[in-house]
């Protein structure tokens, strides 16, 4: 049974440190949580028979506000079953040809992993360029606005964009 009408810790997520213990609960989707609560209410008479698999049908995993791609679902399942699990997130980016310049490409990052600061990511990429660990980047800028996130990485001519993306 749930401790409240709406499990606010699951909805908003939480992180903290107590005496000898730490927690980091990712945020979840309100509609999915409501569906899970409705399932528990519908099966209240036999609540002991409701399994994690039943709840996973309604609450498939966390819903991160910054987007990103969850790699595998084993960590989610383990977290829901044991209370401990590791969820691996990857950002989302695509490659496009630069407008008006054939043969030049740019990488556009539209989603980043949860709790990764955008400025930190940009500084880390700029640091790799300064150290000459990535030589193919000609420009790096943040074009995010209220429409969404957009980090633009312009590449030098005759560069393989996929190679730079996976560096």
N, C-alpha and C. Protein backbone atom coordinates (compact mmCIF):
# COMPACT_ATOMS: atom_id res chain seq x y z
N UNK A 1 0.85 -1.18 0.00
CA UNK A 1 0.00 0.00 0.00
C UNK A 1 0.90 1.25 0.00
N UNK A 2 0.36 2.30 -0.52
CA UNK A 2 1.11 3.54 -0.59
C UNK A 2 0.87 4.38 0.67
N UNK A 3 1.87 5.15 1.10
CA UNK A 3 1.74 5.93 2.33
C UNK A 3 0.89 7.19 2.20
N UNK A 4 0.57 7.60 0.98
CA UNK A 4 -0.20 8.83 0.77
C UNK A 4 -1.06 8.67 -0.47
N UNK A 5 -1.96 9.61 -0.69
CA UNK A 5 -2.80 9.55 -1.88
C UNK A 5 -1.96 9.63 -3.15
N UNK A 6 -0.97 10.47 -3.13
CA UNK A 6 -0.06 10.62 -4.26
C UNK A 6 1.37 10.50 -3.75
N UNK A 7 2.13 9.56 -4.27
CA UNK A 7 3.52 9.41 -3.81
C UNK A 7 4.39 10.54 -4.34
N UNK A 8 4.43 11.63 -3.58
CA UNK A 8 5.12 12.85 -4.00
C UNK A 8 6.61 12.62 -4.23
N UNK A 9 7.23 11.73 -3.46
CA UNK A 9 8.66 11.45 -3.66
C UNK A 9 8.91 10.85 -5.04
N UNK A 10 8.01 10.01 -5.49
CA UNK A 10 8.17 9.43 -6.83
C UNK A 10 7.86 10.45 -7.91
N UNK A 11 6.86 11.29 -7.68
CA UNK A 11 6.46 12.28 -8.68
C UNK A 11 7.56 13.30 -8.91
N UNK A 12 8.07 13.90 -7.86
CA UNK A 12 9.05 14.98 -7.98
C UNK A 12 10.49 14.50 -7.89
N UNK A 13 10.69 13.30 -7.37
CA UNK A 13 12.05 12.82 -7.15
C UNK A 13 12.64 13.46 -5.90
N UNK A 14 13.70 12.89 -5.41
CA UNK A 14 14.35 13.42 -4.21
C UNK A 14 15.78 12.90 -4.16
N UNK A 15 16.62 13.67 -3.51
CA UNK A 15 17.97 13.20 -3.24
C UNK A 15 18.39 13.79 -1.91
N UNK A 16 19.16 13.03 -1.18
CA UNK A 16 19.60 13.51 0.12
C UNK A 16 20.50 12.52 0.81
N UNK A 17 21.10 12.98 1.88
CA UNK A 17 22.02 12.16 2.67
C UNK A 17 21.57 12.23 4.12
N UNK A 18 21.48 11.09 4.74
CA UNK A 18 21.15 11.02 6.17
C UNK A 18 22.32 10.35 6.88
N UNK A 19 22.10 9.91 8.07
CA UNK A 19 23.16 9.27 8.85
C UNK A 19 23.44 7.89 8.26
N UNK A 20 24.53 7.77 7.55
CA UNK A 20 24.94 6.49 6.99
C UNK A 20 24.14 6.03 5.79
N UNK A 21 23.23 6.85 5.30
CA UNK A 21 22.42 6.44 4.15
C UNK A 21 22.26 7.61 3.17
N UNK A 22 22.09 7.28 1.93
CA UNK A 22 21.84 8.30 0.91
C UNK A 22 20.73 7.81 -0.01
N UNK A 23 20.03 8.73 -0.62
CA UNK A 23 18.99 8.37 -1.56
C UNK A 23 19.04 9.29 -2.77
N UNK A 24 18.60 8.76 -3.88
CA UNK A 24 18.48 9.55 -5.09
C UNK A 24 17.33 8.94 -5.89
N UNK A 25 16.14 9.49 -5.76
CA UNK A 25 14.94 8.98 -6.40
C UNK A 25 14.64 9.86 -7.61
N UNK A 26 14.62 9.28 -8.80
CA UNK A 26 14.33 10.09 -9.99
C UNK A 26 12.85 10.45 -10.08
N UNK A 27 12.52 11.52 -10.78
CA UNK A 27 11.12 11.91 -10.94
C UNK A 27 10.39 10.96 -11.90
N UNK A 28 9.07 10.84 -11.70
CA UNK A 28 8.24 9.98 -12.53
C UNK A 28 7.10 10.77 -13.15
N UNK A 29 6.47 10.20 -14.15
CA UNK A 29 5.37 10.82 -14.88
C UNK A 29 4.08 10.73 -14.05
N UNK A 30 3.36 11.85 -13.94
CA UNK A 30 2.12 11.89 -13.15
C UNK A 30 1.07 10.93 -13.68
N UNK A 31 0.87 10.87 -14.99
CA UNK A 31 -0.14 9.97 -15.55
C UNK A 31 0.18 8.51 -15.28
N UNK A 32 1.47 8.17 -15.38
CA UNK A 32 1.87 6.78 -15.11
C UNK A 32 1.69 6.44 -13.64
N UNK A 33 2.05 7.38 -12.74
CA UNK A 33 1.84 7.14 -11.31
C UNK A 33 0.35 6.98 -10.99
N UNK A 34 -0.49 7.81 -11.61
CA UNK A 34 -1.94 7.71 -11.38
C UNK A 34 -2.46 6.35 -11.86
N UNK A 35 -1.96 5.88 -12.98
CA UNK A 35 -2.37 4.56 -13.48
C UNK A 35 -1.94 3.46 -12.51
N UNK A 36 -0.72 3.58 -11.95
CA UNK A 36 -0.26 2.61 -10.96
C UNK A 36 -1.10 2.64 -9.69
N UNK A 37 -1.47 3.83 -9.24
CA UNK A 37 -2.32 3.97 -8.05
C UNK A 37 -3.70 3.37 -8.32
N UNK A 38 -4.25 3.66 -9.50
CA UNK A 38 -5.55 3.07 -9.86
C UNK A 38 -5.49 1.56 -9.88
N UNK A 39 -4.39 1.01 -10.36
CA UNK A 39 -4.23 -0.45 -10.36
C UNK A 39 -4.22 -0.99 -8.93
N UNK A 40 -3.52 -0.30 -8.04
CA UNK A 40 -3.50 -0.74 -6.63
C UNK A 40 -4.89 -0.63 -6.00
N UNK A 41 -5.61 0.43 -6.32
CA UNK A 41 -6.96 0.60 -5.77
C UNK A 41 -7.89 -0.49 -6.31
N UNK A 42 -7.79 -0.78 -7.61
CA UNK A 42 -8.65 -1.81 -8.21
C UNK A 42 -8.39 -3.19 -7.61
N UNK A 43 -7.17 -3.43 -7.16
CA UNK A 43 -6.81 -4.74 -6.61
C UNK A 43 -6.58 -4.68 -5.10
N UNK A 44 -7.29 -3.77 -4.44
CA UNK A 44 -7.09 -3.56 -3.01
C UNK A 44 -7.38 -4.81 -2.20
N UNK A 45 -8.40 -5.57 -2.57
CA UNK A 45 -8.76 -6.78 -1.82
C UNK A 45 -7.64 -7.82 -1.87
N UNK A 46 -6.91 -7.85 -2.96
CA UNK A 46 -5.81 -8.83 -3.13
C UNK A 46 -4.49 -8.10 -3.34
N UNK A 47 -4.25 -7.08 -2.54
CA UNK A 47 -3.06 -6.24 -2.75
C UNK A 47 -1.75 -7.01 -2.58
N UNK A 48 -1.79 -8.08 -1.79
CA UNK A 48 -0.58 -8.89 -1.61
C UNK A 48 -0.19 -9.61 -2.90
N UNK A 49 -1.14 -9.75 -3.81
CA UNK A 49 -0.87 -10.47 -5.06
C UNK A 49 -0.43 -9.53 -6.18
N UNK A 50 -0.43 -8.22 -5.94
CA UNK A 50 0.06 -7.27 -6.94
C UNK A 50 1.58 -7.36 -6.96
N UNK A 51 2.13 -7.62 -8.13
CA UNK A 51 3.58 -7.79 -8.26
C UNK A 51 4.23 -6.55 -8.86
N UNK A 52 5.53 -6.53 -8.78
CA UNK A 52 6.29 -5.45 -9.41
C UNK A 52 6.05 -5.46 -10.92
N UNK A 53 5.93 -6.65 -11.50
CA UNK A 53 5.66 -6.74 -12.94
C UNK A 53 4.34 -6.07 -13.30
N UNK A 54 3.33 -6.22 -12.43
CA UNK A 54 2.04 -5.55 -12.66
C UNK A 54 2.22 -4.03 -12.65
N UNK A 55 2.95 -3.54 -11.67
CA UNK A 55 3.16 -2.09 -11.57
C UNK A 55 4.03 -1.56 -12.71
N UNK A 56 4.98 -2.38 -13.19
CA UNK A 56 5.83 -1.95 -14.30
C UNK A 56 5.02 -1.77 -15.59
N UNK A 57 3.87 -2.41 -15.68
CA UNK A 57 3.00 -2.21 -16.83
C UNK A 57 2.46 -0.78 -16.85
N UNK A 58 2.31 -0.18 -15.66
CA UNK A 58 1.75 1.17 -15.55
C UNK A 58 2.83 2.23 -15.34
N UNK A 59 3.88 1.86 -14.62
CA UNK A 59 4.98 2.79 -14.32
C UNK A 59 6.25 2.18 -14.89
N UNK A 60 6.51 2.38 -16.20
CA UNK A 60 7.64 1.71 -16.83
C UNK A 60 9.01 2.22 -16.40
N UNK A 61 9.07 3.41 -15.83
CA UNK A 61 10.36 3.94 -15.40
C UNK A 61 10.28 5.42 -15.13
N UNK A 62 11.40 6.02 -14.74
CA UNK A 62 11.44 7.45 -14.46
C UNK A 62 11.17 8.29 -15.70
N UNK A 63 10.77 9.52 -15.47
CA UNK A 63 10.52 10.49 -16.53
C UNK A 63 11.39 11.71 -16.24
N UNK A 64 12.49 11.82 -16.94
CA UNK A 64 13.45 12.88 -16.65
C UNK A 64 13.09 14.16 -17.39
N UNK A 65 13.05 15.30 -16.68
CA UNK A 65 12.63 16.56 -17.31
C UNK A 65 13.58 17.06 -18.38
N UNK A 66 14.85 16.67 -18.34
CA UNK A 66 15.80 17.13 -19.35
C UNK A 66 15.88 16.17 -20.52
N UNK A 67 15.07 15.12 -20.51
CA UNK A 67 15.07 14.15 -21.60
C UNK A 67 16.19 13.15 -21.44
N UNK A 68 16.71 12.70 -22.54
CA UNK A 68 17.76 11.70 -22.53
C UNK A 68 17.18 10.32 -22.82
N UNK A 69 18.07 9.40 -23.04
CA UNK A 69 17.68 8.03 -23.38
C UNK A 69 18.16 7.11 -22.27
N UNK A 70 17.25 6.32 -21.71
CA UNK A 70 17.62 5.34 -20.69
C UNK A 70 18.20 4.13 -21.41
N UNK A 71 19.40 3.73 -21.01
CA UNK A 71 20.07 2.59 -21.62
C UNK A 71 19.73 1.33 -20.82
N UNK A 72 18.92 0.45 -21.42
CA UNK A 72 18.53 -0.79 -20.77
C UNK A 72 17.51 -0.56 -19.67
N UNK A 73 16.78 -1.62 -19.32
CA UNK A 73 15.79 -1.49 -18.26
C UNK A 73 16.10 -2.37 -17.05
N UNK A 74 17.26 -3.02 -17.04
CA UNK A 74 17.62 -3.86 -15.90
C UNK A 74 17.79 -3.03 -14.63
N UNK A 75 18.38 -1.85 -14.74
CA UNK A 75 18.57 -0.98 -13.58
C UNK A 75 17.26 -0.51 -13.00
N UNK A 76 16.29 -0.21 -13.86
CA UNK A 76 14.97 0.22 -13.39
C UNK A 76 14.31 -0.92 -12.63
N UNK A 77 14.30 -2.09 -13.23
CA UNK A 77 13.67 -3.26 -12.59
C UNK A 77 14.33 -3.55 -11.24
N UNK A 78 15.67 -3.51 -11.21
CA UNK A 78 16.39 -3.77 -9.97
C UNK A 78 16.07 -2.73 -8.91
N UNK A 79 15.97 -1.46 -9.31
CA UNK A 79 15.64 -0.39 -8.37
C UNK A 79 14.24 -0.58 -7.79
N UNK A 80 13.29 -0.96 -8.62
CA UNK A 80 11.92 -1.14 -8.15
C UNK A 80 11.79 -2.38 -7.26
N UNK A 81 12.55 -3.42 -7.54
CA UNK A 81 12.45 -4.65 -6.75
C UNK A 81 13.21 -4.56 -5.44
N UNK A 82 14.46 -4.07 -5.49
CA UNK A 82 15.32 -4.09 -4.30
C UNK A 82 15.48 -2.74 -3.62
N UNK A 83 15.11 -1.66 -4.30
CA UNK A 83 15.33 -0.33 -3.74
C UNK A 83 16.70 0.22 -4.11
N UNK A 84 17.50 -0.57 -4.80
CA UNK A 84 18.82 -0.14 -5.26
C UNK A 84 18.94 -0.50 -6.73
N UNK A 85 19.44 0.44 -7.50
CA UNK A 85 19.61 0.18 -8.92
C UNK A 85 20.34 1.33 -9.57
N UNK A 86 20.86 1.07 -10.72
CA UNK A 86 21.62 2.08 -11.44
C UNK A 86 20.96 2.29 -12.80
N UNK A 87 20.57 3.52 -13.07
CA UNK A 87 19.94 3.86 -14.33
C UNK A 87 20.93 4.68 -15.14
N UNK A 88 21.28 4.18 -16.32
CA UNK A 88 22.26 4.85 -17.17
C UNK A 88 21.50 5.67 -18.21
N UNK A 89 21.86 6.95 -18.29
CA UNK A 89 21.22 7.87 -19.23
C UNK A 89 22.23 8.36 -20.26
N UNK A 90 21.75 8.57 -21.45
CA UNK A 90 22.59 9.12 -22.52
C UNK A 90 21.84 10.31 -23.12
N UNK A 91 22.56 11.32 -23.49
CA UNK A 91 21.95 12.48 -24.13
C UNK A 91 21.48 12.15 -25.53
N UNK A 92 20.76 13.07 -26.11
CA UNK A 92 20.25 12.88 -27.48
C UNK A 92 20.84 13.97 -28.37
N UNK A 93 21.42 13.55 -29.49
CA UNK A 93 22.03 14.49 -30.43
C UNK A 93 21.79 13.99 -31.85
N UNK A 94 21.83 14.90 -32.78
CA UNK A 94 21.74 14.51 -34.19
C UNK A 94 22.74 15.34 -35.00
N UNK A 95 23.04 14.81 -36.18
CA UNK A 95 24.01 15.44 -37.07
C UNK A 95 23.25 16.03 -38.24
N UNK A 96 23.61 17.25 -38.61
CA UNK A 96 22.98 17.88 -39.77
C UNK A 96 24.03 18.66 -40.55
N UNK A 97 23.76 18.81 -41.84
CA UNK A 97 24.66 19.59 -42.68
C UNK A 97 24.43 21.07 -42.39
N UNK A 98 25.51 21.84 -42.34
CA UNK A 98 25.38 23.26 -42.05
C UNK A 98 24.71 23.96 -43.21
N UNK A 99 23.75 24.82 -42.93
CA UNK A 99 23.02 25.50 -43.99
C UNK A 99 23.94 26.38 -44.84
N UNK A 100 23.86 26.19 -46.17
CA UNK A 100 24.64 27.02 -47.08
C UNK A 100 26.09 26.63 -47.21
N UNK A 101 26.52 25.56 -46.56
CA UNK A 101 27.93 25.16 -46.61
C UNK A 101 28.00 23.66 -46.82
N UNK A 102 28.15 23.24 -48.07
CA UNK A 102 28.20 21.81 -48.33
C UNK A 102 29.53 21.24 -47.83
N UNK A 103 29.48 20.05 -47.32
CA UNK A 103 30.69 19.40 -46.82
C UNK A 103 31.01 19.72 -45.37
N UNK A 104 30.25 20.64 -44.75
CA UNK A 104 30.46 20.95 -43.33
C UNK A 104 29.23 20.50 -42.55
N UNK A 105 29.50 19.92 -41.40
CA UNK A 105 28.43 19.40 -40.57
C UNK A 105 28.47 20.03 -39.19
N UNK A 106 27.36 19.85 -38.48
CA UNK A 106 27.30 20.26 -37.08
C UNK A 106 26.53 19.21 -36.30
N UNK A 107 26.88 19.14 -35.03
CA UNK A 107 26.19 18.24 -34.10
C UNK A 107 25.28 19.10 -33.25
N UNK A 108 24.02 18.72 -33.15
CA UNK A 108 23.05 19.47 -32.36
C UNK A 108 22.61 18.58 -31.20
N UNK A 109 22.91 19.01 -29.98
CA UNK A 109 22.51 18.28 -28.78
C UNK A 109 21.19 18.87 -28.31
N UNK A 110 20.15 18.01 -28.23
CA UNK A 110 18.82 18.49 -27.87
C UNK A 110 18.37 18.01 -26.49
N UNK A 111 19.01 16.98 -25.95
CA UNK A 111 18.66 16.48 -24.62
C UNK A 111 19.95 16.04 -23.94
N UNK A 112 20.03 16.32 -22.62
CA UNK A 112 21.20 15.90 -21.85
C UNK A 112 20.73 15.06 -20.66
N UNK A 113 21.60 14.24 -20.11
CA UNK A 113 21.21 13.44 -18.96
C UNK A 113 20.75 14.29 -17.77
N UNK A 114 19.85 13.73 -16.99
CA UNK A 114 19.29 14.38 -15.82
C UNK A 114 20.40 14.73 -14.83
N UNK A 115 20.33 15.89 -14.25
CA UNK A 115 21.25 16.43 -13.25
C UNK A 115 22.64 16.76 -13.80
N UNK A 116 22.79 16.79 -15.12
CA UNK A 116 24.01 17.27 -15.74
C UNK A 116 23.75 18.71 -16.15
N UNK A 117 24.55 19.63 -15.65
CA UNK A 117 24.35 21.04 -15.98
C UNK A 117 24.85 21.31 -17.38
N UNK A 118 24.06 22.07 -18.11
CA UNK A 118 24.39 22.39 -19.49
C UNK A 118 25.71 23.13 -19.58
N UNK A 119 25.93 24.09 -18.67
CA UNK A 119 27.18 24.86 -18.70
C UNK A 119 28.39 23.97 -18.42
N UNK A 120 28.23 23.00 -17.54
CA UNK A 120 29.32 22.07 -17.25
C UNK A 120 29.68 21.25 -18.49
N UNK A 121 28.65 20.79 -19.20
CA UNK A 121 28.89 20.04 -20.43
C UNK A 121 29.64 20.89 -21.46
N UNK A 122 29.19 22.11 -21.66
CA UNK A 122 29.83 23.00 -22.64
C UNK A 122 31.27 23.29 -22.23
N UNK A 123 31.51 23.52 -20.94
CA UNK A 123 32.88 23.77 -20.47
C UNK A 123 33.78 22.56 -20.67
N UNK A 124 33.23 21.35 -20.45
CA UNK A 124 34.04 20.14 -20.64
C UNK A 124 34.41 19.95 -22.10
N UNK A 125 33.45 20.19 -23.00
CA UNK A 125 33.75 20.08 -24.44
C UNK A 125 34.79 21.13 -24.84
N UNK A 126 34.61 22.37 -24.36
CA UNK A 126 35.58 23.43 -24.67
C UNK A 126 36.96 23.09 -24.13
N UNK A 127 37.02 22.48 -22.95
CA UNK A 127 38.30 22.07 -22.38
C UNK A 127 38.99 21.02 -23.23
N UNK A 128 38.22 20.07 -23.77
CA UNK A 128 38.80 19.05 -24.65
C UNK A 128 39.34 19.67 -25.93
N UNK A 129 38.67 20.71 -26.44
CA UNK A 129 39.14 21.40 -27.64
C UNK A 129 40.43 22.16 -27.32
N UNK A 130 40.47 22.85 -26.16
CA UNK A 130 41.68 23.60 -25.78
C UNK A 130 42.88 22.68 -25.59
N UNK A 131 42.63 21.47 -25.06
CA UNK A 131 43.72 20.51 -24.83
C UNK A 131 44.10 19.77 -26.10
N UNK A 132 43.46 20.09 -27.22
CA UNK A 132 43.68 19.43 -28.51
C UNK A 132 43.36 17.94 -28.48
N UNK A 133 42.46 17.54 -27.59
CA UNK A 133 42.02 16.14 -27.59
C UNK A 133 40.95 15.93 -28.64
N UNK A 134 40.20 16.99 -28.95
CA UNK A 134 39.26 16.98 -30.07
C UNK A 134 39.65 18.15 -30.97
N UNK A 135 40.11 17.84 -32.19
CA UNK A 135 40.63 18.89 -33.08
C UNK A 135 39.64 19.29 -34.15
N UNK A 136 38.53 18.58 -34.27
CA UNK A 136 37.62 18.80 -35.40
C UNK A 136 36.55 19.86 -35.12
N UNK A 137 36.50 20.43 -33.94
CA UNK A 137 35.45 21.40 -33.60
C UNK A 137 35.92 22.80 -33.93
N UNK A 138 35.09 23.53 -34.71
CA UNK A 138 35.44 24.90 -35.06
C UNK A 138 34.68 25.91 -34.21
N UNK A 139 33.48 25.55 -33.73
CA UNK A 139 32.69 26.48 -32.92
C UNK A 139 31.77 25.69 -32.01
N UNK A 140 31.51 26.26 -30.85
CA UNK A 140 30.64 25.64 -29.84
C UNK A 140 29.80 26.74 -29.23
N UNK A 141 28.49 26.59 -29.28
CA UNK A 141 27.63 27.62 -28.70
C UNK A 141 26.32 27.03 -28.21
N UNK A 142 25.70 27.77 -27.32
CA UNK A 142 24.41 27.38 -26.74
C UNK A 142 23.33 28.25 -27.37
N UNK A 143 22.43 27.62 -28.11
CA UNK A 143 21.34 28.34 -28.75
C UNK A 143 19.99 27.96 -28.13
N UNK A 144 20.01 27.55 -26.89
CA UNK A 144 18.78 27.15 -26.21
C UNK A 144 17.88 28.36 -26.01
N UNK A 145 16.59 28.12 -26.10
CA UNK A 145 15.61 29.17 -25.86
C UNK A 145 14.37 28.52 -25.25
N UNK A 146 13.26 29.23 -25.21
CA UNK A 146 12.07 28.66 -24.59
C UNK A 146 11.47 27.53 -25.41
N UNK A 147 11.90 27.39 -26.65
CA UNK A 147 11.43 26.29 -27.49
C UNK A 147 12.09 24.97 -27.09
N UNK A 148 13.28 25.04 -26.50
CA UNK A 148 13.97 23.83 -26.10
C UNK A 148 15.48 24.00 -26.09
N UNK A 149 16.16 22.93 -25.73
CA UNK A 149 17.61 22.96 -25.63
C UNK A 149 18.24 22.75 -27.00
N UNK A 150 19.31 23.46 -27.26
CA UNK A 150 20.03 23.32 -28.51
C UNK A 150 21.48 23.77 -28.30
N UNK A 151 22.36 22.80 -28.18
CA UNK A 151 23.79 23.07 -28.09
C UNK A 151 24.38 22.73 -29.45
N UNK A 152 24.99 23.71 -30.10
CA UNK A 152 25.49 23.54 -31.46
C UNK A 152 27.01 23.35 -31.41
N UNK A 153 27.47 22.28 -32.04
CA UNK A 153 28.90 22.01 -32.18
C UNK A 153 29.21 22.00 -33.67
N UNK A 154 29.83 23.09 -34.14
CA UNK A 154 30.18 23.17 -35.57
C UNK A 154 31.52 22.46 -35.79
N UNK A 155 31.58 21.71 -36.87
CA UNK A 155 32.78 20.94 -37.17
C UNK A 155 33.53 21.54 -38.34
N UNK A 156 34.82 21.29 -38.39
CA UNK A 156 35.66 21.77 -39.49
C UNK A 156 35.32 20.99 -40.76
N UNK A 157 35.69 21.56 -41.89
CA UNK A 157 35.41 20.93 -43.18
C UNK A 157 36.11 19.58 -43.27
N UNK A 158 35.48 18.64 -43.97
CA UNK A 158 36.00 17.28 -44.21
C UNK A 158 36.23 16.49 -42.92
N UNK A 159 35.36 16.71 -41.94
CA UNK A 159 35.42 15.97 -40.68
C UNK A 159 34.31 14.93 -40.68
N UNK A 160 34.58 13.79 -40.11
CA UNK A 160 33.55 12.75 -39.97
C UNK A 160 32.75 13.05 -38.71
N UNK A 161 31.51 13.49 -38.85
CA UNK A 161 30.73 13.92 -37.69
C UNK A 161 30.43 12.80 -36.70
N UNK A 162 30.20 11.59 -37.18
CA UNK A 162 29.90 10.47 -36.27
C UNK A 162 31.12 10.15 -35.39
N UNK A 163 32.30 10.28 -35.98
CA UNK A 163 33.53 10.01 -35.22
C UNK A 163 33.66 11.02 -34.08
N UNK A 164 33.36 12.29 -34.35
CA UNK A 164 33.45 13.34 -33.32
C UNK A 164 32.38 13.11 -32.26
N UNK A 165 31.19 12.73 -32.69
CA UNK A 165 30.07 12.53 -31.77
C UNK A 165 30.38 11.44 -30.75
N UNK A 166 31.07 10.38 -31.19
CA UNK A 166 31.34 9.25 -30.29
C UNK A 166 32.68 9.36 -29.58
N UNK A 167 33.39 10.49 -29.71
CA UNK A 167 34.66 10.69 -29.00
C UNK A 167 34.43 10.96 -27.56
